[in-house]
Amino acid sequence: MKMNQHKKLIVIVAVIVIVLASMSLYTVRADQKAMIQRLGALKGASDGSTYIAEPGLHAKWPVIEHVLMFSTKLQNLDIKSSPIVTVEKKRVIADYFVKWRIRDVPQFYKTTGGSIQSTDQLLEQQLNDALRAEFGRRTINEVVSDDRASIMQALNQKANEGAQKLGIDVVDVRIKGIDLPPEVSGSVFARMRAEREKVATELRAKGHAEGEAIRAKADEQATVIVATARKEANDIRAEGDGRAAKIYADAYTQDESFYSLYRSLEAYRKTFSNPKDIIVVTPQSQFFDYFNQSTKGAVK
């Protein structure tokens, strides 16, 4: 009986030790930092600063000390701003994100109570104010394309200035998109369409003028080429006619009677090539000189 009571006592003591050990030991991961809250106040380090527990296994007093864990991971905050007025009095809505992480754990805890949600709200308020100031100095075209990089740089600088008070570092601020409110998007799109149509009309007019100039130049070149070709053809034809006339003249001078006979025979052949052709001339015509001569010769 005493033996059983002794075993029970050992088990109870072991359980108490295990419970006290679990309440006295805690682990800090590599992506965490921890502070100890003792009776409502933060535990201090030997140098007078706030005690920060680095990654590893640590011990604490049970019950009277409480562990406050903080993640050092990169936090992401997506923000969709309320309507912002540009310098031309046009309202836009910016969609952007912020990446931040905890830098000073005690400062972060004192200013935000260690709440990620509270930090996001404070950052969103600061960045929206900075965004309004930057957009208020620019037109829609500038904030959409030309000056977006400089706007993000200014926002990053403003965010880091405010983040120092919160014990955090703002790693990056990026604008994902800029939208127009529904009530003004129709008029803005109509104006943009009119501007694009104006540019298109100007380009078409310029293209038409350039096309007419090219066609006129081509017609001019074609006229010059045709005129040159005709001149060369006339020159070649005149040269050929001259050579032919010379050949005829040379042949005539060699034997005038034979040449005359040959020319007459060529004329007869071409004239009487078609049996249906009819020629109305007098028999005494010069055209029939050789016929008349042959007839006279036959009568004799």
Protein backbone atom coordinates (compact mmCIF):
# COMPACT_ATOMS: atom_id res chain seq x y z
CA MET A 1 0.00 0.00 0.00
CA LYS A 2 2.81 2.36 0.91
CA MET A 3 4.54 1.34 -2.31
CA ASN A 4 1.57 2.40 -4.40
CA GLN A 5 1.33 5.75 -2.62
CA HIS A 6 5.03 6.31 -3.25
CA LYS A 7 4.59 5.64 -6.97
CA LYS A 8 1.64 8.00 -7.13
CA LEU A 9 3.69 10.70 -5.42
CA ILE A 10 6.49 10.23 -7.95
CA VAL A 11 4.03 10.49 -10.85
CA ILE A 12 2.50 13.64 -9.39
CA VAL A 13 5.91 15.23 -8.87
CA ALA A 14 6.93 14.27 -12.42
CA VAL A 15 3.77 15.80 -13.82
CA ILE A 16 4.37 18.98 -11.83
CA VAL A 17 7.97 19.13 -13.06
CA ILE A 18 6.88 18.64 -16.67
CA VAL A 19 4.21 21.32 -16.36
CA LEU A 20 6.66 23.74 -14.72
CA ALA A 21 9.24 22.95 -17.40
CA SER A 22 6.73 23.58 -20.19
CA MET A 23 5.80 26.85 -18.53
CA SER A 24 9.44 27.81 -18.02
CA LEU A 25 10.87 26.97 -21.45
CA TYR A 26 10.05 28.56 -24.79
CA THR A 27 11.51 28.43 -28.30
CA VAL A 28 12.14 31.34 -30.64
CA ARG A 29 12.26 30.41 -34.33
CA ALA A 30 14.73 31.87 -36.83
CA ASP A 31 12.04 34.17 -38.26
CA GLN A 32 10.99 35.46 -34.81
CA LYS A 33 12.12 37.71 -31.99
CA ALA A 34 10.69 37.68 -28.46
CA MET A 35 10.40 39.95 -25.45
CA ILE A 36 9.55 39.02 -21.85
CA GLN A 37 6.78 40.79 -20.00
CA ARG A 38 7.22 40.49 -16.22
CA LEU A 39 4.22 41.49 -14.16
CA GLY A 40 3.05 43.85 -16.95
CA ALA A 41 6.44 45.50 -17.58
CA LEU A 42 8.99 44.62 -20.24
CA LYS A 43 12.05 42.78 -18.97
CA GLY A 44 15.22 44.78 -19.29
CA ALA A 45 18.66 43.65 -20.41
CA SER A 46 21.89 44.11 -18.42
CA ASP A 47 22.81 47.22 -20.44
CA GLY A 48 19.55 48.94 -19.56
CA SER A 49 17.82 48.28 -22.87
CA THR A 50 14.84 46.01 -23.38
CA TYR A 51 15.66 42.30 -23.34
CA ILE A 52 15.28 40.66 -26.78
CA ALA A 53 15.31 36.87 -27.03
CA GLU A 54 17.13 35.75 -30.15
CA PRO A 55 16.28 32.47 -31.98
CA GLY A 56 16.84 29.38 -29.82
CA LEU A 57 15.64 27.74 -26.59
CA HIS A 58 15.13 30.05 -23.60
CA ALA A 59 13.87 29.87 -20.02
CA LYS A 60 11.54 32.15 -18.08
CA TRP A 61 9.84 32.29 -14.75
CA PRO A 62 6.48 30.60 -14.96
CA VAL A 63 3.32 32.53 -14.18
CA ILE A 64 5.03 35.88 -13.52
CA GLU A 65 6.67 36.16 -16.95
CA HIS A 66 4.88 36.16 -20.29
CA VAL A 67 6.53 35.75 -23.72
CA LEU A 68 5.68 38.23 -26.51
CA MET A 69 6.51 36.78 -29.95
CA PHE A 70 7.05 38.92 -33.07
CA SER A 71 7.53 37.71 -36.63
CA THR A 72 10.45 39.21 -38.57
CA LYS A 73 9.07 37.98 -41.90
CA LEU A 74 8.35 40.39 -44.71
CA GLN A 75 4.79 41.67 -44.38
CA ASN A 76 2.66 42.57 -47.41
CA LEU A 77 -0.08 45.21 -47.36
CA ASP A 78 -2.42 45.70 -50.34
CA ILE A 79 -4.12 49.11 -50.46
CA LYS A 80 -6.85 50.51 -52.67
CA SER A 81 -7.01 54.25 -52.10
CA SER A 82 -10.07 56.43 -51.94
CA PRO A 83 -10.55 58.81 -54.93
CA ILE A 84 -7.55 61.15 -55.36
CA VAL A 85 -7.76 64.46 -57.26
CA THR A 86 -5.03 65.26 -59.82
CA VAL A 87 -3.83 68.76 -60.75
CA GLU A 88 -6.42 68.88 -63.56
CA LYS A 89 -9.22 68.12 -61.08
CA LYS A 90 -9.69 64.53 -62.28
CA ARG A 91 -10.35 61.83 -59.71
CA VAL A 92 -8.43 58.55 -59.82
CA ILE A 93 -8.12 55.49 -57.59
CA ALA A 94 -4.67 53.99 -57.01
CA ASP A 95 -4.14 50.28 -56.31
CA TYR A 96 -0.74 49.68 -54.66
CA PHE A 97 1.07 47.48 -52.15
CA VAL A 98 3.64 47.95 -49.36
CA LYS A 99 6.22 45.48 -48.10
CA TRP A 100 7.57 46.03 -44.62
CA ARG A 101 9.21 44.21 -41.70
CA ILE A 102 9.84 44.83 -38.00
CA ARG A 103 13.18 46.52 -37.30
CA ASP A 104 12.98 47.67 -33.65
CA VAL A 105 10.85 45.24 -31.63
CA PRO A 106 10.45 47.39 -28.45
CA GLN A 107 9.57 50.50 -30.48
CA PHE A 108 7.14 48.48 -32.58
CA TYR A 109 5.45 47.14 -29.44
CA LYS A 110 5.23 50.55 -27.76
CA THR A 111 3.75 52.36 -30.80
CA THR A 112 1.44 49.70 -32.21
CA GLY A 113 0.91 47.33 -29.28
CA GLY A 114 2.51 44.61 -31.40
CA SER A 115 -0.49 44.52 -33.74
CA ILE A 116 0.10 43.90 -37.44
CA GLN A 117 -3.40 45.22 -38.20
CA SER A 118 -2.74 48.51 -36.38
CA THR A 119 0.54 48.91 -38.25
CA ASP A 120 -1.20 48.34 -41.59
CA GLN A 121 -3.80 50.99 -40.75
CA LEU A 122 -1.13 53.54 -39.77
CA LEU A 123 0.89 52.84 -42.94
CA GLU A 124 -2.19 53.07 -45.14
CA GLN A 125 -3.12 56.45 -43.65
CA GLN A 126 0.42 57.84 -44.10
CA LEU A 127 0.75 56.55 -47.66
CA ASN A 128 -2.67 57.78 -48.75
CA ASP A 129 -1.76 61.27 -47.53
CA ALA A 130 1.57 61.12 -49.40
CA LEU A 131 -0.18 59.77 -52.51
CA ARG A 132 -2.66 62.64 -52.52
CA ALA A 133 0.20 65.14 -52.27
CA GLU A 134 2.10 63.53 -55.18
CA PHE A 135 -0.95 63.13 -57.43
CA GLY A 136 -2.11 66.66 -56.67
CA ARG A 137 0.98 68.03 -58.47
CA ARG A 138 0.56 65.89 -61.61
CA THR A 139 -1.86 65.24 -64.48
CA ILE A 140 -3.49 61.88 -65.24
CA ASN A 141 -1.06 61.19 -68.08
CA GLU A 142 1.90 61.86 -65.78
CA VAL A 143 0.70 59.60 -62.96
CA VAL A 144 -0.23 56.82 -65.40
CA SER A 145 3.02 56.69 -67.37
CA ASP A 146 5.63 59.43 -67.23
CA ASP A 147 6.12 60.03 -63.49
CA ARG A 148 5.07 56.72 -61.96
CA ALA A 149 8.66 55.78 -61.04
CA SER A 150 9.30 59.13 -59.33
CA ILE A 151 5.96 58.85 -57.48
CA MET A 152 6.89 55.42 -56.11
CA GLN A 153 10.31 56.72 -55.07
CA ALA A 154 8.71 59.64 -53.21
CA LEU A 155 6.20 57.30 -51.54
CA ASN A 156 9.00 54.98 -50.45
CA GLN A 157 10.85 57.89 -48.88
CA LYS A 158 7.74 59.21 -47.11
CA ALA A 159 6.82 55.75 -45.88
CA ASN A 160 10.27 55.15 -44.40
CA GLU A 161 10.20 58.52 -42.62
CA GLY A 162 6.96 57.54 -40.89
CA ALA A 163 8.03 53.93 -40.41
CA GLN A 164 11.00 54.91 -38.24
CA LYS A 165 8.57 56.03 -35.54
CA LEU A 166 6.80 52.68 -35.69
CA GLY A 167 9.98 50.60 -35.39
CA ILE A 168 9.62 49.08 -38.87
CA ASP A 169 11.38 49.28 -42.24
CA VAL A 170 9.42 49.82 -45.46
CA VAL A 171 11.16 47.68 -48.05
CA ASP A 172 9.14 48.62 -51.12
CA VAL A 173 6.10 50.57 -52.32
CA ARG A 174 4.68 49.73 -55.76
CA ILE A 175 1.69 51.08 -57.67
CA LYS A 176 -0.10 48.15 -59.33
CA GLY A 177 -2.76 50.11 -61.19
CA ILE A 178 -4.53 53.43 -61.50
CA ASP A 179 -8.26 53.37 -62.23
CA LEU A 180 -10.83 56.03 -62.92
CA PRO A 181 -14.02 56.21 -60.85
CA PRO A 182 -17.06 54.94 -62.80
CA GLU A 183 -18.69 58.38 -62.91
CA VAL A 184 -15.75 59.98 -64.77
CA SER A 185 -14.34 57.07 -66.74
CA GLY A 186 -16.86 57.53 -69.58
CA SER A 187 -15.97 61.18 -70.20
CA VAL A 188 -12.24 60.51 -69.90
CA PHE A 189 -12.41 57.56 -72.29
CA ALA A 190 -14.42 59.68 -74.74
CA ARG A 191 -11.78 62.42 -74.62
CA MET A 192 -8.99 59.89 -75.07
CA ARG A 193 -10.88 58.35 -78.01
CA ALA A 194 -11.30 61.80 -79.60
CA GLU A 195 -7.58 62.51 -79.17
CA ARG A 196 -6.66 59.15 -80.73
CA GLU A 197 -9.06 59.76 -83.61
CA LYS A 198 -7.53 63.19 -84.17
CA VAL A 199 -4.05 61.69 -84.30
CA ALA A 200 -5.30 58.93 -86.64
CA THR A 201 -6.89 61.54 -88.94
CA GLU A 202 -3.67 63.53 -89.03
CA LEU A 203 -1.67 60.40 -89.83
CA ARG A 204 -4.11 59.40 -92.57
CA ALA A 205 -3.95 62.90 -94.09
CA LYS A 206 -0.17 62.86 -93.95
CA GLY A 207 -0.10 59.39 -95.53
CA HIS A 208 -2.50 60.50 -98.27
CA ALA A 209 -0.34 63.57 -99.04
CA GLU A 210 2.82 61.49 -99.13
CA GLY A 211 1.05 58.93 -101.35
CA GLU A 212 -0.04 61.66 -103.78
CA ALA A 213 3.51 63.02 -103.88
CA ILE A 214 4.90 59.55 -104.57
CA ARG A 215 2.31 58.92 -107.32
CA ALA A 216 3.01 62.32 -108.92
CA LYS A 217 6.73 61.65 -108.89
CA ALA A 218 6.16 58.18 -110.34
CA ASP A 219 3.92 59.63 -113.11
CA GLU A 220 6.56 62.23 -113.87
CA GLN A 221 9.27 59.58 -114.08
CA ALA A 222 7.00 57.38 -116.24
CA THR A 223 6.33 60.29 -118.64
CA VAL A 224 10.05 61.00 -118.93
CA ILE A 225 10.83 57.31 -119.50
CA VAL A 226 8.11 56.97 -122.20
CA ALA A 227 9.21 60.18 -123.93
CA THR A 228 12.82 59.06 -123.87
CA ALA A 229 11.86 55.64 -125.22
CA ARG A 230 9.77 57.19 -128.01
CA LYS A 231 12.61 59.52 -128.96
CA GLU A 232 15.05 56.62 -129.07
CA ALA A 233 12.54 54.58 -131.11
CA ASN A 234 12.06 57.44 -133.58
CA ASP A 235 15.82 57.87 -133.85
CA ILE A 236 16.26 54.14 -134.48
CA ARG A 237 13.36 54.11 -136.97
CA ALA A 238 14.77 57.16 -138.80
CA GLU A 239 18.18 55.55 -138.90
CA GLY A 240 16.64 52.34 -140.28
CA ASP A 241 14.62 54.24 -142.86
CA GLY A 242 17.75 56.08 -143.91
CA ARG A 243 19.68 52.84 -144.29
CA ALA A 244 16.81 51.26 -146.25
CA ALA A 245 16.59 54.27 -148.55
CA LYS A 246 20.33 54.07 -149.11
CA ILE A 247 20.07 50.36 -149.93
CA TYR A 248 17.23 51.07 -152.37
CA ALA A 249 19.20 53.90 -153.91
CA ASP A 250 22.32 51.74 -154.28
CA ALA A 251 20.29 48.96 -155.89
CA TYR A 252 18.62 51.42 -158.28
CA THR A 253 21.91 52.89 -159.42
CA GLN A 254 23.37 49.46 -160.18
CA ASP A 255 20.60 48.43 -162.65
CA GLU A 256 17.76 50.87 -163.05
CA SER A 257 15.69 48.75 -165.45
CA PHE A 258 15.91 45.60 -163.31
CA TYR A 259 15.10 47.56 -160.17
CA SER A 260 12.09 49.11 -161.85
CA LEU A 261 10.93 45.68 -162.99
CA TYR A 262 11.42 44.21 -159.49
CA ARG A 263 9.45 46.99 -157.87
CA SER A 264 6.65 46.61 -160.39
CA LEU A 265 6.50 42.85 -159.86
CA GLU A 266 6.34 43.37 -156.06
CA ALA A 267 3.50 45.81 -156.63
CA TYR A 268 1.65 43.31 -158.87
CA ARG A 269 2.10 40.52 -156.31
CA LYS A 270 0.73 42.57 -153.43
CA THR A 271 -2.10 43.99 -155.56
CA PHE A 272 -3.36 40.69 -156.96
CA SER A 273 -2.78 38.57 -153.83
CA ASN A 274 -6.53 38.40 -153.17
CA PRO A 275 -8.66 37.24 -156.12
CA LYS A 276 -11.62 39.21 -154.87
CA ASP A 277 -9.80 42.53 -155.06
CA ILE A 278 -10.93 44.87 -157.87
CA ILE A 279 -8.79 47.67 -159.36
CA VAL A 280 -10.40 50.31 -161.50
CA VAL A 281 -7.72 51.93 -163.69
CA THR A 282 -7.32 52.60 -167.38
CA PRO A 283 -5.25 50.12 -169.40
CA GLN A 284 -2.96 52.94 -170.46
CA SER A 285 -2.04 53.57 -166.79
CA GLN A 286 1.66 53.55 -165.91
CA PHE A 287 0.88 50.72 -163.49
CA PHE A 288 0.47 48.34 -166.48
CA ASP A 289 3.54 49.44 -168.44
CA TYR A 290 5.15 46.00 -168.28
CA PHE A 291 1.89 44.27 -169.23
CA ASN A 292 1.54 46.52 -172.22
CA GLN A 293 5.14 45.86 -173.24
CA SER A 294 4.65 42.10 -173.00
CA THR A 295 1.44 42.35 -175.06
CA LYS A 296 3.11 44.38 -177.78
CA GLY A 297 5.93 41.86 -177.92
CA ALA A 298 3.43 39.02 -178.37
CA VAL A 299 1.57 40.81 -181.22
CA LYS A 300 4.77 41.27 -183.14
